[in-house]
Each structure stands twice: as structure tokens, then as C-alpha cells.
Amino acid sequence: MSRQTLAAIGVAFALTAPWFVVWSTSFHAESTLLTVFLSGLAVLGASFLLAWGAETAEKDVPRAFAIAVLAVLAVAPEYAVDAFYAWNAGQFAGTPRGAEAGNLAVANMTGANRILIGLGWSGIALFTVFRSRADVDPNVVNRSGTLADAVSIDPDISLEITFLFAATLWAFLVPLNGGIDALDTLFLVGLYVAYIGVVLRGDVEETDQHVGVPAYLQSFPRTRRVATVLLLFGYSGAMIFTAVEPFAHGLEEIGQSVGIPSFFMIQWVAPLASESPELIVVAYLVNKARSTAGFNALISSKLNQWTLLIGTLAVVYSIAIGQYGTLQFDAKQADEIWLTAAQSYFALSLLVNYEISAREAVTLLVLFVSQVALEFVIIRDLLVLPLTSNELLVAFSVVYVVLGTVLFVARRGSLQVLLGRAVDTVTDAVSSRGDHPQRAD
């Protein structure tokens, strides 16, 4: 092992060490700022360990499955935060406090999903294009014109895009019942289970030529390699899971101290903190010219958030209330869900031809930032606008749906190809007996 590789592993573990001491000894930091600093360092270090574990695992399991595991672990803190609010909604069901907690659960979920696309997909696309100017990336298509360069998406991601499209269409129906119920749970969780079942039946592909830490770990004998991957997943997952909630709450407290409304902080700042491990991991992959793996991770994260995260809220609520129940929300949160579904619909229309241009990424980013900024202006009465907060959400939903529909119609040929590839993948998985040959070390 080279000194550089050893140093990289040492630095990553060192970043998590202070928080590990705080967490394992129940030591309380003296200030909110210190808590944010230590937990933020832990998230950063754990994100690198998580990425190395996923890259190493590609030698033994289908790449899509390794990325799916990475995505679940990276967004696990978001699940914890949302589960906390769903649990409180059940514990205080029938009271104003319970109703508020239910609304906060939905607000946190929709904020996380919109951040993942509005900042994640767009930001990583722009970073990939920008980075390709310094180091050639085969997945970047250079074209003449302003912001015309595009990031090419792996056609093998057709399966994830198709499942995400199905979840997005279902999400438009969720507000019609006034809450998240058992039918939503069965469909959305079932959809994700079906997806995992398909990718597990896939072959173990020849991995990319890795360097650094993943290359060193992949050189281990199989038993030691698998144990190392499990250790990296387990340790990094624990650090992320324990550090992100204090990190998010610390940021909330800091924001509230400077006059930012609590509800706004819970919908936007807390999810931004909980999404940070995923964005760090993807930025790391892109920086290694692995933009395909990076985008696969982003799409996989969106899929599990749009299925597992929504679907399990009703389960947590029912457990808390002690019987089956529907997690209810108000009209404002219904509009938030429709806007989140509309944004997802538009984002998928950008990827249907297996690429996203810098121009499209900027459009995605501008739409997201302008909606959040305008809503902040409205709720803080900073300017007099001819729209209420709810009307603003509906207006942006219409914009997303119209733009998405226009693109889907214009790219209907690409959509047919994408759906055809996804059907072929599912058919191959169903007909396969799982007797793929083992890879030799």
C-alpha cells in the first residue's frame, strides 16, 4: 500500500474520530457551533469511506446494487429525521402538535427530494462539464454554443429511470386521499423491492480501472475484501446516521437565531444537511472522472427517497399511534407534494435521451432556486407579490409539467427506447435462474 493511499484512509477516519468520541461517550459539545463543526467533519470523512466501500463492492456484486446500497446509506439520515416527525405525529395524533408534526414530516420529505434534483442533479451536471475542461471525461459531449456541452448518461440506467417515472406518476395521486396511507406504502415500497430484486439478478460486470484506495482494497482476497466492504459500510453508515441529525438541528438553531422561520429551516436547511453525504460522494466520483457512477448514485438516491421514504412514513405513524392510520397533511403540503412530483417529472424528461446539457442543468437550478427564494420572500413579507405561497407552488407545478410534457413529446422516440431497454432488463432478470458464474479474484 502506498503512503498516499494509507494517508487517504487515515485522514478519512481521523475526520470522523472527534465525533465518534462525542457519540460513544455521550459527551456534549459546549456550543451549537462546535457540534455543527464536529458532526460536519464526521459526515465528510464518512462520505469518503462510504464511496470507497461502494467502489470496492463493484468487484463482487452488480454495480447497480452497490450503488443502491450506497444511496440508501447516504440518505439514511433523511429517513431518521422524517421518521422522527412521523412518530411525533402519531404520538400526538388528534392534537395541533400532532397535525404540525405530520406537516413537518411531509415538508422535510418534499424539501429533501427537491434539493436532490434542484441542487444535486443540476449542480453535479455543471460540475462535470466544468471539470472536463481540466481533465478529459469521456462522458462529456462537447458542442458549440452557449452551455451546449452535455453529460452523457449510461443507458443501463434505463431501469432506474423507468421505476422512478412510475413512482413519480403515483406521487401525483398521493394528495388526493389527504394523506399517506397503506396503498401508498404497498405500491411505493413494493416498487423499490421489485427494483432491488431485478438488479440483484444482474451479472457482476467488469469494473472500471480503479486507482487509490478502491484499487488497493479490491486486491484483497475475496473473504477479506467482503469483510472490509461491510466494515466500511457499517462504520460510515453509523457515523452519518448519528452525525447528520445534530448537524441539521445545529444549523436550524443557528438559522433561527438570525431570524429564519423554523418551518422554512426544517423544509430546506435540515434536508440540505442530510443530503450532504450523497452530494459529497457524487462529487468525489465525478472528480475521479466517474460521472456515470455519480449520476447513477443520484438517480438511485432519488428512487429510494421517492419510494421508501414516502412509503415508510405511514408505517412509522401507524406504529406510533398503535393502530393502522393515515398520515394526514394540510392543503399546503398537498401542493408541496404536487410540486415535488412535477419537478421530478420535468427532470426525467431531461434524461430520457441519456444526457443532460449544461443549459438544461441551469434551467433546473434556476427554477428550483427561484421558487425557494420567492416563497421565502412571501412568507417573510419582504415584498408585496400578487401570489400567495400556495398559488406560487401551483404555478411552478404547472411550469414543470408543461415543460416536461413538451420534452417528452419531442423525445417520444427516446422514451420508447428507454422503456424498451427497461422491459428487456426486467425480462432478463425474471427469466434468469441466477446461475451466473462467480468472478475469479
Protein backbone atom coordinates (compact mmCIF):
# COMPACT_ATOMS: atom_id res chain seq x y z
CA MET A 1 0.00 0.00 0.00
CA SER A 2 1.41 3.40 -1.00
CA ARG A 3 1.85 6.17 1.52
CA GLN A 4 -0.71 8.25 -0.36
CA THR A 5 -3.34 5.52 -0.05
CA LEU A 6 -2.57 4.98 3.62
CA ALA A 7 -2.74 8.73 4.23
CA ALA A 8 -6.13 8.99 2.50
CA ILE A 9 -7.63 6.25 4.67
CA GLY A 10 -6.08 7.76 7.79
CA VAL A 11 -7.41 11.24 7.06
CA ALA A 12 -10.95 9.94 6.41
CA PHE A 13 -11.03 8.04 9.71
CA ALA A 14 -9.42 10.99 11.52
CA LEU A 15 -12.22 13.29 10.34
CA THR A 16 -14.77 11.00 11.99
CA ALA A 17 -12.76 10.39 15.19
CA PRO A 18 -13.81 13.51 17.19
CA TRP A 19 -17.48 12.85 16.54
CA PHE A 20 -17.04 9.15 17.34
CA VAL A 21 -15.70 10.16 20.77
CA VAL A 22 -18.60 12.58 21.31
CA TRP A 23 -21.16 9.98 20.27
CA SER A 24 -19.69 6.97 22.08
CA THR A 25 -19.08 8.79 25.37
CA SER A 26 -22.29 10.88 25.39
CA PHE A 27 -20.07 13.95 25.71
CA HIS A 28 -21.94 17.18 25.00
CA ALA A 29 -20.24 19.86 22.96
CA GLU A 30 -20.07 23.23 24.66
CA SER A 31 -21.71 25.12 21.83
CA THR A 32 -24.01 24.58 18.87
CA LEU A 33 -21.28 25.83 16.55
CA LEU A 34 -18.87 23.18 17.83
CA THR A 35 -21.49 20.47 17.39
CA VAL A 36 -22.06 21.55 13.79
CA PHE A 37 -18.32 21.61 13.14
CA LEU A 38 -17.56 18.16 14.61
CA SER A 39 -20.60 16.44 13.10
CA GLY A 40 -19.93 18.10 9.74
CA LEU A 41 -16.36 16.76 9.72
CA ALA A 42 -17.72 13.29 10.52
CA VAL A 43 -20.16 13.46 7.61
CA LEU A 44 -17.33 14.47 5.27
CA GLY A 45 -14.98 11.67 6.38
CA ALA A 46 -17.75 9.04 6.41
CA SER A 47 -18.83 10.05 2.90
CA PHE A 48 -15.39 9.17 1.53
CA LEU A 49 -15.36 5.84 3.41
CA LEU A 50 -18.81 5.10 2.02
CA ALA A 51 -17.72 5.88 -1.55
CA TRP A 52 -14.64 3.66 -1.24
CA GLY A 53 -16.78 0.82 0.10
CA ALA A 54 -19.21 1.09 -2.82
CA GLU A 55 -16.42 1.18 -5.41
CA THR A 56 -14.72 -1.83 -3.83
CA ALA A 57 -18.01 -3.76 -3.73
CA GLU A 58 -18.38 -3.45 -7.51
CA LYS A 59 -15.97 -6.38 -7.87
CA ASP A 60 -18.35 -8.79 -6.14
CA VAL A 61 -21.93 -7.59 -6.74
CA PRO A 62 -23.75 -5.93 -9.65
CA ARG A 63 -22.76 -2.29 -9.84
CA ALA A 64 -26.38 -1.13 -9.69
CA PHE A 65 -26.83 -2.97 -6.39
CA ALA A 66 -23.62 -1.50 -4.92
CA ILE A 67 -24.80 1.97 -5.88
CA ALA A 68 -28.28 1.26 -4.44
CA VAL A 69 -26.71 0.30 -1.10
CA LEU A 70 -24.57 3.44 -1.20
CA ALA A 71 -27.65 5.55 -1.91
CA VAL A 72 -29.66 4.03 0.95
CA LEU A 73 -26.84 4.56 3.46
CA ALA A 74 -26.13 8.09 2.24
CA VAL A 75 -29.74 9.21 2.68
CA ALA A 76 -30.43 7.19 5.85
CA PRO A 77 -30.20 10.36 7.97
CA GLU A 78 -33.04 11.85 5.95
CA TYR A 79 -35.12 8.79 6.82
CA ALA A 80 -34.30 9.28 10.51
CA VAL A 81 -35.37 12.94 10.51
CA ASP A 82 -38.61 12.21 8.67
CA ALA A 83 -39.36 9.20 10.86
CA PHE A 84 -38.93 11.45 13.92
CA TYR A 85 -41.67 13.81 12.71
CA ALA A 86 -43.94 10.95 11.59
CA TRP A 87 -43.54 9.33 15.02
CA ASN A 88 -44.47 12.57 16.78
CA ALA A 89 -47.48 12.92 14.50
CA GLY A 90 -48.68 9.52 15.72
CA GLN A 91 -47.81 10.11 19.38
CA PHE A 92 -49.82 13.33 19.44
CA ALA A 93 -52.50 12.32 16.92
CA GLY A 94 -55.66 14.40 17.12
CA THR A 95 -53.88 17.44 18.61
CA PRO A 96 -52.48 20.58 16.97
CA ARG A 97 -48.98 19.34 17.83
CA GLY A 98 -49.62 16.06 16.01
CA ALA A 99 -51.00 17.85 12.96
CA GLU A 100 -47.97 20.14 12.85
CA ALA A 101 -45.60 17.16 13.10
CA GLY A 102 -47.37 15.45 10.20
CA ASN A 103 -46.99 18.57 8.09
CA LEU A 104 -43.32 18.83 9.04
CA ALA A 105 -42.74 15.20 8.01
CA VAL A 106 -44.12 15.95 4.56
CA ALA A 107 -42.31 19.30 4.33
CA ASN A 108 -38.97 17.69 5.21
CA MET A 109 -39.56 14.90 2.68
CA THR A 110 -40.53 17.21 -0.19
CA GLY A 111 -37.68 19.58 0.60
CA ALA A 112 -35.15 16.73 0.53
CA ASN A 113 -36.46 15.42 -2.79
CA ARG A 114 -36.44 18.82 -4.46
CA ILE A 115 -32.94 19.61 -3.17
CA LEU A 116 -31.66 16.31 -4.56
CA ILE A 117 -32.81 17.27 -8.06
CA GLY A 118 -32.70 21.07 -7.95
CA LEU A 119 -29.22 21.29 -6.46
CA GLY A 120 -27.90 17.73 -6.80
CA TRP A 121 -28.69 16.80 -10.39
CA SER A 122 -28.12 20.29 -11.77
CA GLY A 123 -25.02 21.05 -9.68
CA ILE A 124 -23.29 17.76 -10.44
CA ALA A 125 -24.04 18.12 -14.16
CA LEU A 126 -22.48 21.59 -14.21
CA PHE A 127 -19.52 20.41 -12.10
CA THR A 128 -18.95 17.51 -14.50
CA VAL A 129 -18.92 19.81 -17.53
CA PHE A 130 -16.66 22.31 -15.76
CA ARG A 131 -14.25 19.62 -14.60
CA SER A 132 -13.96 18.12 -18.10
CA ARG A 133 -12.15 21.27 -19.23
CA ALA A 134 -9.24 20.40 -16.94
CA ASP A 135 -9.31 16.62 -17.36
CA VAL A 136 -10.90 14.77 -20.27
CA ASP A 137 -14.12 12.98 -19.31
CA PRO A 138 -15.41 10.54 -21.95
CA ASN A 139 -18.94 11.09 -20.67
CA VAL A 140 -18.97 14.78 -21.53
CA VAL A 141 -20.17 15.65 -25.04
CA ASN A 142 -18.66 18.90 -26.28
CA ARG A 143 -20.82 21.01 -28.58
CA SER A 144 -20.53 24.54 -29.94
CA GLY A 145 -22.80 27.16 -28.43
CA THR A 146 -23.55 28.67 -25.03
CA LEU A 147 -23.91 26.00 -22.33
CA ALA A 148 -24.31 23.37 -25.05
CA ASP A 149 -21.90 20.82 -23.57
CA ALA A 150 -23.74 17.82 -22.15
CA VAL A 151 -23.14 14.97 -19.72
CA SER A 152 -23.82 11.57 -21.25
CA ILE A 153 -25.84 9.17 -19.07
CA ASP A 154 -25.23 5.42 -19.04
CA PRO A 155 -28.08 3.68 -21.00
CA ASP A 156 -28.02 0.95 -18.36
CA ILE A 157 -29.71 3.45 -16.02
CA SER A 158 -32.93 2.94 -18.04
CA LEU A 159 -34.26 0.62 -15.34
CA GLU A 160 -33.83 3.19 -12.56
CA ILE A 161 -35.35 5.98 -14.67
CA THR A 162 -38.36 3.81 -15.53
CA PHE A 163 -39.01 2.84 -11.90
CA LEU A 164 -38.57 6.48 -10.87
CA PHE A 165 -41.03 7.54 -13.55
CA ALA A 166 -43.62 5.09 -12.17
CA ALA A 167 -43.07 6.41 -8.63
CA THR A 168 -43.38 10.00 -9.87
CA LEU A 169 -46.71 9.34 -11.58
CA TRP A 170 -48.00 7.68 -8.40
CA ALA A 171 -46.88 10.67 -6.32
CA PHE A 172 -49.32 12.90 -8.21
CA LEU A 173 -52.11 10.75 -6.73
CA VAL A 174 -50.92 10.82 -3.09
CA PRO A 175 -52.54 14.19 -2.12
CA LEU A 176 -55.94 13.09 -3.47
CA ASN A 177 -56.58 10.99 -0.34
CA GLY A 178 -55.48 13.77 2.01
CA GLY A 179 -52.72 11.65 3.48
CA ILE A 180 -50.17 8.88 3.04
CA ASP A 181 -51.91 5.53 3.57
CA ALA A 182 -51.38 1.77 3.25
CA LEU A 183 -52.00 1.80 -0.50
CA ASP A 184 -49.15 4.28 -0.96
CA THR A 185 -46.93 2.11 1.22
CA LEU A 186 -47.74 -1.08 -0.67
CA PHE A 187 -47.17 0.44 -4.09
CA LEU A 188 -44.07 2.54 -3.39
CA VAL A 189 -42.23 0.12 -1.11
CA GLY A 190 -43.25 -2.76 -3.40
CA LEU A 191 -41.85 -0.84 -6.36
CA TYR A 192 -38.48 -0.47 -4.67
CA VAL A 193 -38.39 -4.11 -3.58
CA ALA A 194 -39.11 -5.12 -7.17
CA TYR A 195 -36.30 -2.87 -8.39
CA ILE A 196 -33.79 -4.40 -5.95
CA GLY A 197 -34.95 -7.87 -7.00
CA VAL A 198 -34.20 -7.06 -10.64
CA VAL A 199 -30.73 -5.59 -10.07
CA LEU A 200 -29.72 -8.47 -7.81
CA ARG A 201 -30.32 -10.86 -10.70
CA GLY A 202 -27.88 -8.95 -12.88
CA ASP A 203 -24.37 -10.06 -13.74
CA VAL A 204 -21.29 -8.76 -11.97
CA GLU A 205 -19.74 -6.50 -14.59
CA GLU A 206 -16.09 -5.93 -15.20
CA THR A 207 -15.32 -2.93 -13.02
CA ASP A 208 -13.68 0.26 -14.15
CA GLN A 209 -9.94 0.50 -13.63
CA HIS A 210 -9.79 1.89 -10.12
CA VAL A 211 -6.89 3.72 -8.52
CA GLY A 212 -6.01 4.69 -4.99
CA VAL A 213 -7.96 3.25 -2.06
CA PRO A 214 -10.54 1.20 -4.06
CA ALA A 215 -7.78 -0.39 -6.17
CA TYR A 216 -5.90 -1.38 -3.03
CA LEU A 217 -8.99 -2.81 -1.32
CA GLN A 218 -10.02 -4.75 -4.43
CA SER A 219 -6.65 -6.50 -4.35
CA PHE A 220 -7.62 -8.25 -1.09
CA PRO A 221 -8.67 -11.92 -1.17
CA ARG A 222 -12.44 -12.25 -1.53
CA THR A 223 -13.23 -13.02 2.14
CA ARG A 224 -11.12 -10.16 3.45
CA ARG A 225 -12.42 -7.84 0.74
CA VAL A 226 -16.07 -8.53 1.58
CA ALA A 227 -15.38 -8.06 5.31
CA THR A 228 -13.67 -4.75 4.58
CA VAL A 229 -16.60 -3.53 2.49
CA LEU A 230 -19.06 -4.46 5.25
CA LEU A 231 -16.88 -2.65 7.81
CA LEU A 232 -16.73 0.50 5.66
CA PHE A 233 -20.48 0.42 5.04
CA GLY A 234 -21.27 -0.24 8.69
CA TYR A 235 -18.91 2.35 10.19
CA SER A 236 -19.61 5.11 7.67
CA GLY A 237 -23.35 4.44 7.87
CA ALA A 238 -23.25 4.70 11.68
CA MET A 239 -21.26 7.93 11.58
CA ILE A 240 -23.57 9.51 9.01
CA PHE A 241 -26.70 8.31 10.81
CA THR A 242 -25.58 9.70 14.19
CA ALA A 243 -23.92 12.90 12.96
CA VAL A 244 -26.38 14.33 10.45
CA GLU A 245 -29.28 14.93 12.82
CA PRO A 246 -27.18 17.04 15.26
CA PHE A 247 -25.62 18.71 12.24
CA ALA A 248 -29.05 19.55 10.80
CA HIS A 249 -30.54 20.65 14.13
CA GLY A 250 -27.47 22.76 14.85
CA LEU A 251 -27.88 24.53 11.54
CA GLU A 252 -31.58 25.04 12.34
CA GLU A 253 -30.72 26.69 15.65
CA ILE A 254 -28.14 28.93 14.01
CA GLY A 255 -30.64 29.88 11.31
CA GLN A 256 -33.40 30.62 13.80
CA SER A 257 -31.02 32.79 15.79
CA VAL A 258 -30.68 35.09 12.76
CA GLY A 259 -34.42 35.25 12.10
CA ILE A 260 -35.07 32.45 9.57
CA PRO A 261 -38.52 30.85 10.22
CA SER A 262 -38.48 27.41 11.85
CA PHE A 263 -40.72 25.79 9.22
CA PHE A 264 -38.50 27.10 6.43
CA MET A 265 -35.42 25.72 8.19
CA ILE A 266 -36.98 22.27 8.60
CA GLN A 267 -38.04 22.10 4.96
CA TRP A 268 -34.80 23.37 3.46
CA VAL A 269 -31.81 23.61 5.79
CA ALA A 270 -32.28 20.27 7.58
CA PRO A 271 -32.71 18.31 4.30
CA LEU A 272 -29.74 20.13 2.78
CA ALA A 273 -27.63 18.89 5.69
CA SER A 274 -28.98 15.35 5.45
CA GLU A 275 -28.38 15.26 1.69
CA SER A 276 -24.76 16.39 2.07
CA PRO A 277 -23.26 12.86 2.32
CA GLU A 278 -24.82 11.91 -1.01
CA LEU A 279 -23.65 15.08 -2.73
CA ILE A 280 -20.12 14.68 -1.33
CA VAL A 281 -19.96 11.07 -2.55
CA VAL A 282 -21.15 12.01 -6.03
CA ALA A 283 -18.77 14.97 -6.27
CA TYR A 284 -15.95 12.59 -5.30
CA LEU A 285 -16.92 10.16 -8.08
CA VAL A 286 -17.18 12.92 -10.66
CA ASN A 287 -13.80 14.29 -9.60
CA LYS A 288 -12.36 10.85 -10.47
CA ALA A 289 -13.93 11.14 -13.95
CA ARG A 290 -16.59 8.58 -12.91
CA SER A 291 -19.53 10.82 -13.79
CA THR A 292 -21.58 7.80 -14.90
CA ALA A 293 -21.34 6.22 -11.45
CA GLY A 294 -22.05 9.61 -9.90
CA PHE A 295 -25.27 10.16 -11.81
CA ASN A 296 -26.32 6.56 -11.21
CA ALA A 297 -25.95 7.23 -7.48
CA LEU A 298 -28.03 10.42 -7.69
CA ILE A 299 -30.82 8.71 -9.63
CA SER A 300 -30.76 5.74 -7.27
CA SER A 301 -31.00 8.10 -4.28
CA LYS A 302 -33.98 9.86 -5.80
CA LEU A 303 -35.63 6.49 -6.45
CA ASN A 304 -35.26 5.24 -2.89
CA GLN A 305 -36.34 8.59 -1.41
CA TRP A 306 -39.34 8.77 -3.72
CA THR A 307 -40.39 5.23 -2.78
CA LEU A 308 -39.04 4.07 0.59
CA LEU A 309 -39.07 7.49 2.25
CA ILE A 310 -42.69 8.25 1.35
CA GLY A 311 -43.90 4.69 1.75
CA THR A 312 -42.50 4.14 5.23
CA LEU A 313 -43.93 7.34 6.75
CA ALA A 314 -47.36 5.74 7.10
CA VAL A 315 -45.77 2.67 8.74
CA VAL A 316 -43.95 4.76 11.36
CA TYR A 317 -47.10 6.80 12.01
CA SER A 318 -49.21 3.66 12.46
CA ILE A 319 -46.70 2.13 14.89
CA ALA A 320 -46.67 5.35 16.92
CA ILE A 321 -50.45 5.57 17.08
CA GLY A 322 -50.78 1.89 18.00
CA GLN A 323 -53.09 1.01 15.11
CA TYR A 324 -53.39 1.48 11.38
CA GLY A 325 -53.61 5.13 10.45
CA THR A 326 -53.17 7.57 7.58
CA LEU A 327 -50.51 10.26 7.94
CA GLN A 328 -52.55 13.34 7.15
CA PHE A 329 -51.35 16.73 5.95
CA ASP A 330 -52.88 20.08 5.08
CA ALA A 331 -53.55 21.73 1.71
CA LYS A 332 -50.15 23.46 1.73
CA GLN A 333 -48.33 20.13 1.96
CA ALA A 334 -50.54 18.67 -0.77
CA ASP A 335 -49.31 21.46 -3.05
CA GLU A 336 -45.74 20.73 -1.94
CA ILE A 337 -46.11 17.08 -2.99
CA TRP A 338 -47.56 18.04 -6.37
CA LEU A 339 -44.69 20.49 -6.94
CA THR A 340 -42.14 17.82 -5.98
CA ALA A 341 -43.74 15.31 -8.35
CA ALA A 342 -43.84 17.93 -11.12
CA GLN A 343 -40.15 18.74 -10.65
CA SER A 344 -39.31 15.02 -10.83
CA TYR A 345 -41.43 14.69 -13.99
CA PHE A 346 -39.55 17.56 -15.65
CA ALA A 347 -36.14 16.25 -14.54
CA LEU A 348 -36.87 12.82 -16.03
CA SER A 349 -37.83 14.44 -19.33
CA LEU A 350 -34.30 15.88 -19.42
CA LEU A 351 -32.69 12.45 -19.01
CA VAL A 352 -34.88 10.47 -21.37
CA ASN A 353 -32.34 10.89 -24.19
CA TYR A 354 -29.50 9.74 -21.91
CA GLU A 355 -27.87 13.12 -21.44
CA ILE A 356 -28.31 16.42 -19.67
CA SER A 357 -26.83 19.59 -21.13
CA ALA A 358 -25.37 22.46 -19.16
CA ARG A 359 -28.25 24.59 -20.43
CA GLU A 360 -30.81 22.12 -19.09
CA ALA A 361 -28.96 21.90 -15.78
CA VAL A 362 -29.03 25.69 -15.43
CA THR A 363 -32.77 25.68 -16.16
CA LEU A 364 -33.33 23.05 -13.47
CA LEU A 365 -31.23 25.04 -10.99
CA VAL A 366 -32.86 28.40 -11.77
CA LEU A 367 -36.38 27.01 -11.43
CA PHE A 368 -35.54 25.46 -8.07
CA VAL A 369 -33.73 28.47 -6.61
CA SER A 370 -36.32 30.99 -7.86
CA GLN A 371 -39.21 29.02 -6.30
CA VAL A 372 -37.48 28.76 -2.92
CA ALA A 373 -36.42 32.44 -3.00
CA LEU A 374 -39.88 33.67 -3.96
CA GLU A 375 -41.53 31.56 -1.28
CA PHE A 376 -39.14 32.97 1.32
CA VAL A 377 -40.00 36.49 0.16
CA ILE A 378 -43.72 35.73 0.51
CA ILE A 379 -43.61 34.12 3.96
CA ARG A 380 -41.35 36.90 5.31
CA ASP A 381 -43.46 39.69 3.69
CA LEU A 382 -40.31 41.18 2.20
CA LEU A 383 -42.16 42.23 -0.96
CA VAL A 384 -45.78 42.53 -1.98
CA LEU A 385 -46.39 39.87 -4.64
CA PRO A 386 -49.67 39.07 -6.43
CA LEU A 387 -49.45 35.41 -5.32
CA THR A 388 -49.96 33.51 -2.10
CA SER A 389 -47.49 30.81 -1.10
CA ASN A 390 -49.89 28.06 -2.22
CA GLU A 391 -50.54 29.76 -5.56
CA LEU A 392 -46.81 30.02 -6.12
CA LEU A 393 -46.42 26.26 -5.61
CA VAL A 394 -49.22 25.53 -8.06
CA ALA A 395 -47.78 27.94 -10.64
CA PHE A 396 -44.36 26.30 -10.56
CA SER A 397 -46.00 22.86 -10.72
CA VAL A 398 -47.76 23.88 -13.92
CA VAL A 399 -44.49 25.20 -15.40
CA TYR A 400 -42.68 21.95 -14.63
CA VAL A 401 -45.47 19.77 -16.05
CA VAL A 402 -45.83 21.83 -19.23
CA LEU A 403 -42.07 21.86 -19.89
CA GLY A 404 -41.80 18.15 -19.11
CA THR A 405 -44.70 17.21 -21.36
CA VAL A 406 -43.28 19.23 -24.25
CA LEU A 407 -39.93 17.46 -23.89
CA PHE A 408 -41.49 14.00 -23.56
CA VAL A 409 -43.48 14.59 -26.75
CA ALA A 410 -40.42 15.91 -28.60
CA ARG A 411 -38.34 12.97 -27.34
CA ARG A 412 -41.00 10.26 -27.64
CA GLY A 413 -38.64 8.13 -29.73
CA SER A 414 -36.03 8.24 -26.97
CA LEU A 415 -38.72 7.44 -24.40
CA GLN A 416 -39.73 4.32 -26.33
CA VAL A 417 -36.10 3.19 -26.50
CA LEU A 418 -35.63 3.79 -22.76
CA LEU A 419 -38.78 1.90 -21.80
CA GLY A 420 -37.83 -0.92 -24.17
CA ARG A 421 -34.43 -1.28 -22.52
CA ALA A 422 -36.02 -1.34 -19.08
CA VAL A 423 -38.51 -4.02 -20.14
CA ASP A 424 -35.66 -6.12 -21.57
CA THR A 425 -33.74 -5.81 -18.29
CA VAL A 426 -36.74 -6.92 -16.25
CA THR A 427 -37.47 -9.77 -18.68
CA ASP A 428 -33.87 -11.00 -18.48
CA ALA A 429 -33.96 -10.85 -14.67
CA VAL A 430 -37.24 -12.78 -14.47
CA SER A 431 -36.11 -15.46 -16.93
CA SER A 432 -32.66 -15.78 -15.34
CA ARG A 433 -32.08 -18.62 -12.90
CA GLY A 434 -29.36 -16.69 -11.13
CA ASP A 435 -26.66 -19.19 -12.17
CA HIS A 436 -24.16 -16.53 -13.21
CA PRO A 437 -20.58 -17.66 -12.95
CA GLN A 438 -18.60 -16.46 -9.96
CA ARG A 439 -15.93 -13.94 -10.68
CA ALA A 440 -12.40 -15.07 -10.08
CA ASP A 441 -10.24 -12.93 -7.84
